[in-house]
Amino acid sequence: MMMLPREIDMALLLCAIPLVWAAITDFRKRIIPDWTWIAILLIGGVSAFLLSYPTLAQRIAGFMLPGICLLFLAMKCGGVGGGDIKLTTAMGFYFGLNGLAFILFFALLPACIYGLATRQRSVPLAVFLCIGFFAYVGVLYIVGL
């Protein structure tokens, strides 16, 4: 069953609300509330039945690959919190591996610049994931859903 553009808009809005909240709390308190990534994961689960793209295989790859990489990075180098890992994996399930790669491209570059400019080893990643999300949504609307 294919969703109408209005339904896709609603799904993106439902994802934007917890993501913006995660960004605000991560910037202020350096913590990502559990309800934010759980909400995105649940919305992704529902959209998996309603949307034909991304496929279930892309969603699972988007969930597993970044999660494993970030977990390894956190254990090896530090600087990546558990909330960042959970939020990224939830977004990976919602957007699939290709969508998450786009979001991460527009999130990690500004995050690195911010980290270098402020000389911080750890940055509030949810803020930059939110920036990447809105860049992704903007491109979706420019190109046309």
Protein backbone atom coordinates (compact mmCIF):
# COMPACT_ATOMS: atom_id res chain seq x y z
CA MET A 1 0.00 0.00 0.00
CA MET A 2 1.49 3.34 -1.04
CA MET A 3 1.08 6.38 1.16
CA LEU A 4 -0.19 9.68 -0.14
CA PRO A 5 2.08 12.76 0.07
CA ARG A 6 -0.01 14.11 2.97
CA GLU A 7 0.55 10.87 4.90
CA ILE A 8 4.28 11.03 4.20
CA ASP A 9 4.28 14.63 5.46
CA MET A 10 2.57 13.44 8.65
CA ALA A 11 5.10 10.63 9.11
CA LEU A 12 8.01 13.08 8.72
CA LEU A 13 6.36 15.52 11.14
CA LEU A 14 5.88 12.74 13.68
CA CYS A 15 9.58 11.95 13.38
CA ALA A 16 10.60 15.62 13.60
CA ILE A 17 8.92 16.22 16.95
CA PRO A 18 10.95 13.73 19.02
CA LEU A 19 14.10 14.53 17.05
CA VAL A 20 13.85 18.26 17.76
CA TRP A 21 13.19 17.50 21.43
CA ALA A 22 16.24 15.21 21.53
CA ALA A 23 18.34 17.96 19.95
CA ILE A 24 17.20 20.56 22.47
CA THR A 25 17.80 18.36 25.51
CA ASP A 26 21.10 17.06 24.15
CA PHE A 27 22.33 20.62 23.63
CA ARG A 28 21.19 21.83 27.05
CA LYS A 29 21.82 18.80 29.27
CA ARG A 30 23.90 16.43 27.11
CA ILE A 31 21.29 13.71 27.50
CA ILE A 32 18.85 12.21 24.99
CA PRO A 33 15.54 11.13 26.56
CA ASP A 34 14.65 7.51 25.88
CA TRP A 35 11.16 8.38 24.68
CA THR A 36 12.58 10.23 21.68
CA TRP A 37 14.40 7.31 20.08
CA ILE A 38 11.63 4.90 21.08
CA ALA A 39 9.05 7.13 19.36
CA ILE A 40 11.16 7.29 16.17
CA LEU A 41 11.64 3.51 16.25
CA LEU A 42 7.88 2.94 16.70
CA ILE A 43 7.04 5.36 13.88
CA GLY A 44 9.58 3.52 11.73
CA GLY A 45 7.94 0.21 12.61
CA VAL A 46 4.51 1.45 11.58
CA SER A 47 5.85 3.07 8.41
CA ALA A 48 7.55 -0.22 7.46
CA PHE A 49 4.07 -1.63 6.86
CA LEU A 50 2.75 1.45 5.06
CA LEU A 51 5.67 2.55 2.89
CA SER A 52 7.28 0.51 0.14
CA TYR A 53 10.54 2.45 0.51
CA PRO A 54 12.86 1.95 2.29
CA THR A 55 12.57 -1.83 2.10
CA LEU A 56 12.75 -3.94 5.22
CA ALA A 57 16.28 -5.05 4.31
CA GLN A 58 17.39 -1.40 4.02
CA ARG A 59 15.74 -0.62 7.34
CA ILE A 60 17.48 -3.50 9.09
CA ALA A 61 20.82 -2.51 7.54
CA GLY A 62 20.20 1.09 8.63
CA PHE A 63 19.50 -0.17 12.13
CA MET A 64 22.40 -2.60 12.49
CA LEU A 65 25.38 -1.14 10.63
CA PRO A 66 25.54 2.36 12.17
CA GLY A 67 24.64 0.97 15.58
CA ILE A 68 27.49 -1.53 15.53
CA CYS A 69 29.96 1.04 14.19
CA LEU A 70 29.04 3.66 16.77
CA LEU A 71 29.08 1.11 19.58
CA PHE A 72 32.58 0.01 18.53
CA LEU A 73 33.67 3.65 18.30
CA ALA A 74 32.28 4.38 21.76
CA MET A 75 34.04 1.40 23.29
CA LYS A 76 37.35 2.07 21.52
CA CYS A 77 37.64 5.87 21.57
CA GLY A 78 34.85 7.26 23.72
CA GLY A 79 33.04 10.49 22.92
CA VAL A 80 29.88 8.78 21.66
CA GLY A 81 27.14 8.32 24.22
CA GLY A 82 24.57 5.57 24.46
CA GLY A 83 21.77 7.99 23.63
CA ASP A 84 23.53 8.97 20.41
CA ILE A 85 23.84 5.32 19.44
CA LYS A 86 20.19 4.54 20.20
CA LEU A 87 18.93 7.63 18.37
CA THR A 88 21.06 6.91 15.30
CA THR A 89 19.92 3.29 15.12
CA ALA A 90 16.28 4.31 15.45
CA MET A 91 16.72 6.84 12.66
CA GLY A 92 18.48 4.16 10.61
CA PHE A 93 15.46 1.91 10.93
CA TYR A 94 13.06 4.71 9.99
CA PHE A 95 15.02 6.07 7.01
CA GLY A 96 16.94 2.99 5.90
CA LEU A 97 20.66 2.82 5.26
CA ASN A 98 20.61 5.18 2.25
CA GLY A 99 18.54 7.84 3.99
CA LEU A 100 20.64 7.61 7.12
CA ALA A 101 23.83 7.94 5.06
CA PHE A 102 22.47 11.21 3.63
CA ILE A 103 21.50 12.44 7.10
CA LEU A 104 24.88 11.50 8.56
CA PHE A 105 26.72 13.26 5.74
CA PHE A 106 24.97 16.53 6.58
CA ALA A 107 25.24 15.86 10.34
CA LEU A 108 28.81 14.73 10.85
CA LEU A 109 30.55 17.43 8.83
CA PRO A 110 29.07 20.29 10.92
CA ALA A 111 29.60 18.19 14.09
CA CYS A 112 33.31 17.85 13.30
CA ILE A 113 33.59 21.57 12.57
CA TYR A 114 31.78 22.36 15.84
CA GLY A 115 34.04 20.01 17.78
CA LEU A 116 37.18 21.54 16.29
CA ALA A 117 35.96 25.12 16.79
CA THR A 118 35.00 24.55 20.42
CA ARG A 119 37.89 22.14 21.08
CA GLN A 120 35.47 19.60 22.50
CA ARG A 121 36.02 15.89 22.22
CA SER A 122 32.32 15.15 22.62
CA VAL A 123 29.58 17.07 20.80
CA PRO A 124 25.79 17.00 21.21
CA LEU A 125 25.23 14.68 18.24
CA ALA A 126 21.41 14.90 18.33
CA VAL A 127 21.64 18.56 17.34
CA PHE A 128 23.57 17.67 14.22
CA LEU A 129 21.37 14.65 13.45
CA CYS A 130 18.45 17.09 13.53
CA ILE A 131 20.27 19.36 11.05
CA GLY A 132 20.91 16.36 8.80
CA PHE A 133 17.27 15.32 9.08
CA PHE A 134 16.01 18.72 7.96
CA ALA A 135 18.52 18.76 5.09
CA TYR A 136 17.17 15.35 4.05
CA VAL A 137 13.56 16.52 4.24
CA GLY A 138 14.44 19.66 2.30
CA VAL A 139 16.00 17.64 -0.49
CA LEU A 140 12.97 15.33 -0.54
CA TYR A 141 10.69 18.29 -1.10
CA ILE A 142 12.95 19.92 -3.69
CA VAL A 143 13.36 16.71 -5.68
CA GLY A 144 9.76 15.74 -5.06
CA LEU A 145 8.69 12.83 -2.93
